[in-house]
């Protein structure tokens, strides 16, 4: 039974430090460092280095910078992008260091799992910030940032003192990630498209709706005129079929969308 509890505690701490690192690495380092140095947290030997005053000072300075950057729309997403290369490796390293005196294979496995958890929590945070940044007011960013800081503290407390509670919350977090994933992917594609257009890298520039509607109308009207010159009144039905076929080809090629196709089709059928 004692061995089972030790295993659960180790798994919870490993996943806890990596999960917290993906959300706010510097807050996690401060909590562990200050808690360990004051004796309030019993850290495993591999994490004792976090109690060093130099590490605590560096984490505090970076946390102060993130505290303000994380609350400015747009800046927070840039900060998250840069920290993709910081939070995930740090989460893997902290996870590998939290397992204690074990075999190298176990440390590597812990590092792999921790890196995956840090990547998951980091991607979730960065993706939700992209969704939040669509709102013009800054209060949602402030609320999200403060909530994330509180979540890091509560999550680490649960991982250290109530491992089963943390593992249950981790399962709920994974379910939340699965639910948010489609929305996050759409936000990432939208942001990438806007950046590409801003930098002039987008080659397939879409026409604005009015221009697209005008282009479609001109094409169909020109085709109607040409067919009207060459065909008799008795061939009007065939002419409309030809126009609808061309309109369908525009839809298939992506030149128009489904709504525009239906509008033009109704216009042709009612004329």
Foldseek 3Di string as FASTA:
>chain_A
DVVVVLVLLLVLLLLLLLLLLLLQNLLSLLLVQVCVLVVVADAAPLSPVSVDPVNNVVSVVVVVVCLVQQQDQPSVLVVLVVCVVPSLQVQLSSSLSRNHDDDPVVSNVSSVVSSVSSNLSNLVNSLVSLVVSVDPDRVVSNVSSVVSSVCSNVSNCCSRPPSVVNVVVVVVVVVVSVVCVVVSVVSVVVVVVVVCVVVVNDPDDADDPVVLLVVLVVVLVVLVVVCPVVDDPVCLVVSLVVSLVVLVVCCVVVSDDPVSSVVVNVVSVVD
